[in-house]
N, C-alpha and C. Protein backbone atom coordinates (compact mmCIF):
# COMPACT_ATOMS: atom_id res chain seq x y z
N MET A 1 11.26 -27.73 -3.80
CA MET A 1 10.97 -26.97 -4.24
C MET A 1 9.90 -27.06 -5.37
N ALA A 2 9.59 -28.10 -5.61
CA ALA A 2 8.52 -28.63 -6.12
C ALA A 2 7.17 -28.55 -5.67
N LEU A 3 6.76 -28.54 -4.32
CA LEU A 3 5.63 -28.17 -3.75
C LEU A 3 5.70 -27.06 -3.22
N PHE A 4 6.32 -26.30 -3.27
CA PHE A 4 6.52 -24.26 -3.72
C PHE A 4 6.18 -24.15 -4.96
N GLY A 5 6.76 -24.66 -5.83
CA GLY A 5 6.44 -24.48 -7.05
C GLY A 5 4.44 -24.87 -6.89
N THR A 6 4.37 -26.11 -6.53
CA THR A 6 2.93 -26.46 -6.65
C THR A 6 1.87 -25.36 -5.66
N LEU A 7 2.49 -24.71 -4.82
CA LEU A 7 1.33 -24.25 -4.12
C LEU A 7 1.02 -22.98 -4.43
N LEU A 8 2.38 -22.58 -5.67
CA LEU A 8 1.81 -21.15 -6.37
C LEU A 8 1.59 -21.38 -7.71
N GLU A 9 0.52 -22.58 -8.05
CA GLU A 9 0.16 -22.39 -9.18
C GLU A 9 -1.42 -21.85 -8.99
N SER A 10 -2.39 -21.79 -9.70
CA SER A 10 -4.08 -21.06 -9.79
C SER A 10 -4.76 -22.00 -8.37
N PRO A 11 -5.55 -22.33 -8.18
CA PRO A 11 -6.57 -21.58 -7.37
C PRO A 11 -5.78 -20.94 -6.05
N VAL A 12 -4.60 -21.05 -5.47
CA VAL A 12 -3.85 -20.39 -4.62
C VAL A 12 -3.41 -19.20 -5.04
N MET A 13 -3.12 -18.85 -5.86
CA MET A 13 -2.63 -17.54 -6.86
C MET A 13 -3.93 -16.40 -6.90
N ASP A 14 -5.42 -16.98 -6.82
CA ASP A 14 -6.14 -16.19 -7.51
C ASP A 14 -6.27 -16.13 -5.97
N ILE A 15 -6.43 -16.83 -5.08
CA ILE A 15 -6.80 -16.61 -3.51
C ILE A 15 -5.43 -15.00 -3.07
N LEU A 16 -4.33 -15.40 -3.55
CA LEU A 16 -3.22 -15.00 -3.16
C LEU A 16 -3.97 -13.35 -3.77
N LYS A 17 -3.63 -13.10 -5.10
CA LYS A 17 -4.68 -11.96 -5.35
C LYS A 17 -5.28 -11.56 -5.26
N THR A 18 -6.74 -12.01 -4.88
CA THR A 18 -7.70 -11.48 -4.09
C THR A 18 -7.33 -10.65 -2.51
N VAL A 19 -6.49 -11.90 -2.24
CA VAL A 19 -5.85 -11.03 -0.35
C VAL A 19 -5.27 -9.52 -0.98
N HIS A 20 -4.32 -9.70 -1.88
CA HIS A 20 -3.46 -8.31 -2.10
C HIS A 20 -4.68 -7.21 -2.54
N VAL A 21 -5.51 -7.46 -3.33
CA VAL A 21 -6.38 -6.46 -3.76
C VAL A 21 -7.23 -6.10 -2.52
N GLY A 22 -7.41 -7.34 -1.71
CA GLY A 22 -8.71 -6.65 -0.31
C GLY A 22 -7.75 -6.19 0.56
N CYS A 23 -6.29 -6.69 0.43
CA CYS A 23 -5.36 -4.99 1.74
C CYS A 23 -5.21 -3.96 0.72
N VAL A 24 -5.36 -3.79 -0.34
CA VAL A 24 -5.42 -3.31 -0.82
C VAL A 24 -6.23 -1.86 -0.59
N VAL A 25 -7.31 -2.38 -0.65
CA VAL A 25 -8.41 -1.83 -0.23
C VAL A 25 -8.75 -1.03 1.22
N LEU A 26 -8.40 -2.22 2.00
CA LEU A 26 -8.24 -2.16 3.72
C LEU A 26 -7.32 -1.31 4.01
N SER A 27 -6.32 -1.40 4.01
CA SER A 27 -5.39 -0.26 3.93
C SER A 27 -5.62 1.20 3.11
N LEU A 28 -6.28 1.59 2.14
CA LEU A 28 -6.35 2.94 1.60
C LEU A 28 -7.77 3.32 2.72
N SER A 29 -8.68 2.55 2.67
CA SER A 29 -9.57 2.95 3.56
C SER A 29 -9.56 2.86 5.06
N GLY A 30 -8.68 2.27 5.83
CA GLY A 30 -8.01 2.49 7.00
C GLY A 30 -7.21 3.99 7.17
N PHE A 31 -6.48 4.20 6.13
CA PHE A 31 -5.57 5.04 6.11
C PHE A 31 -6.86 6.98 6.14
N VAL A 32 -7.74 6.55 5.47
CA VAL A 32 -8.77 7.77 5.22
C VAL A 32 -9.24 7.85 6.49
N LEU A 33 -9.96 6.87 7.18
CA LEU A 33 -10.59 6.70 8.42
C LEU A 33 -9.88 7.63 9.32
N ARG A 34 -8.53 6.83 9.67
CA ARG A 34 -7.71 7.62 10.39
C ARG A 34 -7.17 9.12 10.51
N GLY A 35 -7.00 9.27 9.43
CA GLY A 35 -7.32 10.87 8.94
C GLY A 35 -8.09 11.06 9.31
N ALA A 36 -9.49 10.78 9.41
CA ALA A 36 -10.64 12.07 9.13
C ALA A 36 -10.97 11.90 11.15
N TRP A 37 -10.29 10.74 11.72
CA TRP A 37 -10.47 10.63 12.92
C TRP A 37 -9.31 11.81 13.59
N LEU A 38 -8.58 12.01 13.27
CA LEU A 38 -7.43 12.68 13.63
C LEU A 38 -7.94 14.07 13.31
N TRP A 39 -8.83 14.58 12.19
CA TRP A 39 -9.00 15.79 12.03
C TRP A 39 -10.11 16.11 13.48
N ARG A 40 -10.75 14.90 13.56
CA ARG A 40 -12.24 15.42 14.11
C ARG A 40 -11.53 15.16 15.61
N GLY A 41 -10.52 14.85 16.14
CA GLY A 41 -10.60 14.38 17.67
C GLY A 41 -10.83 13.27 17.92
N SER A 42 -10.75 12.61 17.85
CA SER A 42 -11.76 11.04 17.89
C SER A 42 -10.64 10.09 18.60
N PRO A 43 -11.22 9.58 20.21
CA PRO A 43 -10.44 8.90 20.35
C PRO A 43 -10.20 7.25 19.89
N TRP A 44 -10.82 7.26 19.03
CA TRP A 44 -10.47 5.87 18.26
C TRP A 44 -9.51 6.03 17.78
N LEU A 45 -8.51 6.77 17.47
CA LEU A 45 -7.71 7.14 17.00
C LEU A 45 -6.35 6.08 17.77
N ARG A 46 -6.53 6.72 19.13
CA ARG A 46 -5.62 6.01 19.80
C ARG A 46 -5.91 4.68 20.85
N ALA A 47 -7.23 3.74 19.80
CA ALA A 47 -7.72 2.48 20.51
C ALA A 47 -6.49 1.50 19.45
N ARG A 48 -6.13 0.60 20.30
CA ARG A 48 -5.13 -0.27 20.47
C ARG A 48 -5.27 -1.19 18.91
N VAL A 49 -6.73 -1.39 18.56
CA VAL A 49 -6.99 -1.76 16.94
C VAL A 49 -6.65 -0.80 15.84
N ALA A 50 -6.70 0.23 16.28
CA ALA A 50 -6.33 1.54 15.06
C ALA A 50 -4.49 1.44 14.91
N ARG A 51 -3.96 0.83 16.42
CA ARG A 51 -2.60 1.09 16.24
C ARG A 51 -2.24 0.17 15.58
N VAL A 52 -3.09 -1.32 15.52
CA VAL A 52 -2.11 -2.60 15.34
C VAL A 52 -2.36 -3.15 14.08
N LEU A 53 -3.62 -2.94 13.67
CA LEU A 53 -4.66 -3.61 12.95
C LEU A 53 -4.24 -3.13 11.09
N PRO A 54 -3.29 -1.49 11.07
CA PRO A 54 -2.54 -1.00 10.09
C PRO A 54 -1.51 -1.69 9.58
N HIS A 55 -1.21 -2.06 10.86
CA HIS A 55 0.29 -2.98 10.29
C HIS A 55 0.18 -4.49 9.75
N VAL A 56 -1.13 -4.90 10.56
CA VAL A 56 -1.27 -6.07 9.84
C VAL A 56 -1.89 -6.47 8.40
N VAL A 57 -2.56 -5.44 8.20
CA VAL A 57 -3.05 -5.36 6.68
C VAL A 57 -1.91 -4.70 5.89
N ASP A 58 -1.19 -4.00 6.26
CA ASP A 58 0.11 -3.41 5.21
C ASP A 58 0.88 -4.58 5.32
N SER A 59 1.36 -5.41 6.74
CA SER A 59 2.18 -6.48 5.67
C SER A 59 1.90 -7.56 5.69
N THR A 60 0.24 -8.03 6.21
CA THR A 60 0.21 -8.64 4.46
C THR A 60 0.06 -8.61 3.26
N LEU A 61 -0.21 -6.93 2.89
CA LEU A 61 -0.09 -6.58 1.39
C LEU A 61 0.88 -6.70 0.87
N LEU A 62 2.56 -6.23 1.55
CA LEU A 62 2.97 -6.10 1.22
C LEU A 62 3.88 -7.90 0.97
N GLY A 63 3.89 -8.49 1.58
CA GLY A 63 3.83 -10.03 1.89
C GLY A 63 3.30 -10.77 0.41
N ALA A 64 2.00 -10.61 0.23
CA ALA A 64 1.26 -10.63 -0.94
C ALA A 64 1.71 -10.26 -2.20
N GLY A 65 1.96 -9.12 -2.13
CA GLY A 65 2.89 -8.27 -2.96
C GLY A 65 4.24 -9.40 -3.89
N ILE A 66 5.13 -9.61 -2.54
CA ILE A 66 5.86 -10.22 -2.69
C ILE A 66 5.85 -11.72 -3.30
N VAL A 67 5.22 -11.85 -2.82
CA VAL A 67 5.14 -13.68 -3.65
C VAL A 67 4.22 -13.89 -5.22
N LEU A 68 3.91 -12.44 -5.30
CA LEU A 68 3.03 -12.33 -6.42
C LEU A 68 4.44 -11.98 -7.67
N ALA A 69 4.78 -11.10 -7.15
CA ALA A 69 6.02 -10.89 -7.93
C ALA A 69 7.00 -11.69 -8.29
N LEU A 70 7.77 -12.58 -6.99
CA LEU A 70 8.47 -13.70 -7.45
C LEU A 70 7.82 -14.79 -8.14
N ARG A 71 6.58 -15.01 -7.93
CA ARG A 71 5.75 -15.89 -8.72
C ARG A 71 5.66 -15.62 -10.23
N ASP A 72 5.87 -14.22 -10.62
CA ASP A 72 5.64 -13.50 -12.06
C ASP A 72 7.22 -13.63 -12.50
N SER A 73 8.29 -13.58 -11.81
CA SER A 73 9.54 -13.17 -12.11
C SER A 73 9.93 -11.50 -12.72
N GLN A 74 8.98 -10.88 -10.74
CA GLN A 74 9.41 -9.42 -11.96
C GLN A 74 9.96 -9.28 -10.44
N TYR A 75 11.12 -8.31 -10.51
CA TYR A 75 12.16 -7.29 -9.43
C TYR A 75 11.78 -6.41 -9.84
N PRO A 76 12.03 -5.39 -8.56
CA PRO A 76 12.15 -4.00 -8.61
C PRO A 76 14.05 -4.39 -8.98
N PHE A 77 13.99 -2.55 -9.73
CA PHE A 77 15.21 -2.38 -10.48
C PHE A 77 15.84 -3.46 -11.64
N VAL A 78 15.00 -4.09 -12.08
CA VAL A 78 14.66 -5.00 -12.61
C VAL A 78 13.46 -4.22 -14.08
N HIS A 79 12.89 -4.45 -13.63
CA HIS A 79 11.37 -4.22 -14.23
C HIS A 79 10.83 -2.75 -13.89
N ALA A 80 11.04 -1.54 -14.61
CA ALA A 80 10.86 -0.25 -14.18
C ALA A 80 9.07 -0.18 -13.62
N TRP A 81 8.26 -0.80 -13.92
CA TRP A 81 6.99 -0.62 -13.18
C TRP A 81 7.11 -0.90 -11.57
N LEU A 82 7.53 -1.92 -11.48
CA LEU A 82 7.89 -2.17 -9.91
C LEU A 82 8.81 -1.30 -9.06
N THR A 83 9.84 -0.97 -9.78
CA THR A 83 10.74 -0.05 -9.05
C THR A 83 10.01 1.29 -8.87
N ALA A 84 9.15 1.62 -9.57
CA ALA A 84 8.18 2.44 -9.30
C ALA A 84 7.24 2.41 -8.39
N LYS A 85 6.58 1.55 -7.98
CA LYS A 85 5.76 0.49 -7.10
C LYS A 85 6.62 1.34 -5.57
N LEU A 86 7.96 0.59 -5.71
CA LEU A 86 8.81 0.41 -4.64
C LEU A 86 8.83 1.44 -4.06
N ILE A 87 9.69 2.80 -5.05
CA ILE A 87 9.70 3.71 -4.44
C ILE A 87 8.35 5.17 -4.50
N ALA A 88 7.52 4.42 -5.07
CA ALA A 88 6.05 5.08 -4.60
C ALA A 88 5.71 4.49 -2.81
N LEU A 89 5.84 3.60 -2.98
CA LEU A 89 5.37 2.82 -1.20
C LEU A 89 6.40 3.86 -0.32
N ILE A 90 7.49 3.97 -0.34
CA ILE A 90 8.30 4.40 0.17
C ILE A 90 7.89 5.92 0.63
N LEU A 91 7.50 6.61 -0.35
CA LEU A 91 6.67 7.70 -0.61
C LEU A 91 5.60 7.98 0.35
N TYR A 92 5.22 6.81 0.07
CA TYR A 92 3.37 6.92 0.61
C TYR A 92 3.94 6.97 1.99
N ILE A 93 4.41 5.96 2.80
CA ILE A 93 4.65 5.72 3.99
C ILE A 93 5.36 6.85 4.55
N LEU A 94 6.57 7.60 4.28
CA LEU A 94 7.04 9.09 4.19
C LEU A 94 6.07 10.10 4.79
N LEU A 95 4.75 10.08 3.54
CA LEU A 95 3.81 10.91 3.71
C LEU A 95 2.84 10.88 4.83
N GLY A 96 2.61 9.66 4.63
CA GLY A 96 1.35 8.95 5.71
C GLY A 96 1.88 9.33 6.95
N SER A 97 3.05 8.88 7.58
CA SER A 97 3.54 9.05 8.75
C SER A 97 3.52 10.95 8.98
N ILE A 98 3.59 11.39 8.13
CA ILE A 98 3.80 13.38 8.22
C ILE A 98 2.59 13.24 8.56
N ALA A 99 1.38 12.88 7.45
CA ALA A 99 0.11 13.41 7.53
C ALA A 99 -0.55 12.49 9.07
N LEU A 100 -0.46 11.72 9.88
CA LEU A 100 -0.93 11.37 11.08
C LEU A 100 0.12 11.12 12.00
N LYS A 101 1.19 11.82 12.07
CA LYS A 101 2.04 11.61 13.12
C LYS A 101 2.97 12.57 13.50
N TYR A 102 3.92 12.43 12.39
CA TYR A 102 4.70 13.84 12.70
C TYR A 102 4.62 15.08 11.80
N GLY A 103 3.54 15.29 11.34
CA GLY A 103 3.71 16.69 10.83
C GLY A 103 3.26 17.95 11.50
N LYS A 104 3.81 19.40 12.30
CA LYS A 104 3.95 20.15 13.61
C LYS A 104 2.60 20.95 12.67
N THR A 105 2.12 20.95 11.84
CA THR A 105 1.08 22.15 11.65
C THR A 105 -0.14 21.10 11.14
N PRO A 106 -1.85 21.56 11.18
CA PRO A 106 -2.89 21.39 10.65
C PRO A 106 -2.59 21.25 8.92
N ARG A 107 -1.87 22.46 8.65
CA ARG A 107 -1.76 22.59 7.10
C ARG A 107 -0.46 21.25 6.67
N GLN A 108 0.36 21.22 7.01
CA GLN A 108 1.50 20.25 6.56
C GLN A 108 0.92 18.99 6.67
N ARG A 109 0.08 18.47 7.49
CA ARG A 109 -0.75 17.24 7.79
C ARG A 109 -2.07 17.15 6.87
N ALA A 110 -2.10 18.17 6.57
CA ALA A 110 -3.48 18.20 5.29
C ALA A 110 -2.74 17.98 3.87
N PHE A 111 -1.86 18.78 3.91
CA PHE A 111 -1.16 18.44 2.20
C PHE A 111 -0.63 16.84 2.36
N ALA A 112 0.55 16.43 3.35
CA ALA A 112 0.52 15.20 3.57
C ALA A 112 -0.50 14.20 3.24
N PHE A 113 -1.11 14.28 3.89
CA PHE A 113 -2.01 13.56 3.39
C PHE A 113 -2.59 13.17 2.46
N GLY A 114 -3.22 15.07 1.67
CA GLY A 114 -3.54 14.67 0.48
C GLY A 114 -2.36 13.87 -0.59
N ALA A 115 -1.39 14.25 -0.24
CA ALA A 115 -0.53 13.79 -1.09
C ALA A 115 0.05 12.45 -1.23
N ALA A 116 0.13 11.75 0.27
CA ALA A 116 -0.02 10.57 0.26
C ALA A 116 -1.30 9.64 -0.50
N ILE A 117 -2.29 9.83 -0.29
CA ILE A 117 -3.71 9.84 -0.92
C ILE A 117 -3.35 9.53 -2.42
N LEU A 118 -2.73 10.59 -3.02
CA LEU A 118 -2.16 10.70 -4.69
C LEU A 118 -1.41 9.25 -5.07
N VAL A 119 -0.57 9.27 -3.78
CA VAL A 119 0.43 8.52 -4.04
C VAL A 119 0.18 7.09 -4.10
N PHE A 120 -0.46 6.67 -3.59
CA PHE A 120 -1.21 5.67 -3.44
C PHE A 120 -2.38 4.70 -4.67
N LEU A 121 -2.75 5.98 -4.95
CA LEU A 121 -3.44 5.95 -5.91
C LEU A 121 -2.85 5.65 -7.53
N TYR A 122 -1.49 6.24 -7.41
CA TYR A 122 -0.51 6.40 -8.59
C TYR A 122 0.08 4.54 -8.29
N ILE A 123 0.10 4.23 -6.94
CA ILE A 123 0.64 2.78 -6.75
C ILE A 123 -0.53 2.10 -7.70
N ILE A 124 -1.91 2.49 -7.51
CA ILE A 124 -2.96 1.00 -8.21
C ILE A 124 -2.34 1.44 -9.24
N ALA A 125 -2.95 2.30 -9.91
CA ALA A 125 -2.53 2.81 -11.75
C ALA A 125 -1.10 2.14 -12.25
N VAL A 126 -0.05 2.16 -11.45
CA VAL A 126 1.28 1.56 -11.62
C VAL A 126 0.81 -0.24 -11.73
N ALA A 127 0.36 -0.50 -10.47
CA ALA A 127 0.36 -2.14 -10.65
C ALA A 127 -1.06 -2.48 -11.59
N ILE A 128 -2.16 -1.50 -11.69
CA ILE A 128 -2.95 -1.86 -12.95
C ILE A 128 -2.59 -2.06 -14.78
N THR A 129 -1.65 -0.96 -14.72
CA THR A 129 -1.12 -0.55 -16.32
C THR A 129 0.53 -1.50 -16.33
N ARG A 130 0.86 -1.66 -15.48
CA ARG A 130 2.66 -2.30 -15.51
C ARG A 130 3.16 -1.16 -16.16
N ARG A 131 3.22 -0.28 -16.08
CA ARG A 131 3.87 1.36 -16.59
C ARG A 131 3.97 1.99 -15.82
N ALA A 132 5.47 2.80 -15.26
CA ALA A 132 5.63 3.31 -14.53
C ALA A 132 5.19 4.83 -14.89
N GLY A 133 5.10 5.41 -16.25
CA GLY A 133 4.59 6.42 -16.63
C GLY A 133 3.04 6.56 -16.63
N LEU A 134 2.64 5.16 -16.43
CA LEU A 134 1.41 4.99 -17.07
C LEU A 134 0.78 5.45 -18.60
N GLY A 135 1.41 5.21 -19.51
CA GLY A 135 1.38 5.84 -20.86
C GLY A 135 1.58 7.20 -21.06
N LEU A 136 1.86 7.89 -19.83
CA LEU A 136 2.23 9.07 -20.40
C LEU A 136 3.76 9.69 -20.98
N LEU A 137 4.32 9.16 -20.21
CA LEU A 137 5.92 9.16 -20.80
C LEU A 137 6.52 8.41 -21.69
């Protein structure tokens, strides 16, 4: 346990935070790019890297977030802001799936795409403020 505690001290935590924030940028950028490819009918959307890389980025993002939360003793369903992020993450995944795969009409896909981006931005705002209501409630 002492080794684990030592590993989670600063510079490692600084690197982990940088990885987490970098993955946030890559995740949103990748989602927007895949949405653009979908609307343009680009063959890039079917490329192996476009199908695999988002899972690698999002898994790294989630893993880093879990370690950061555990390190700071922050837990969903105990801390409201983290609960809000978790619920919003699930909503983002559902909306993203509709936008990129399961939407039956272009209108459904476009609505889900826009809503997914708004939910993603909400997650970022909650992470920055650590307030589920963003100070509005």
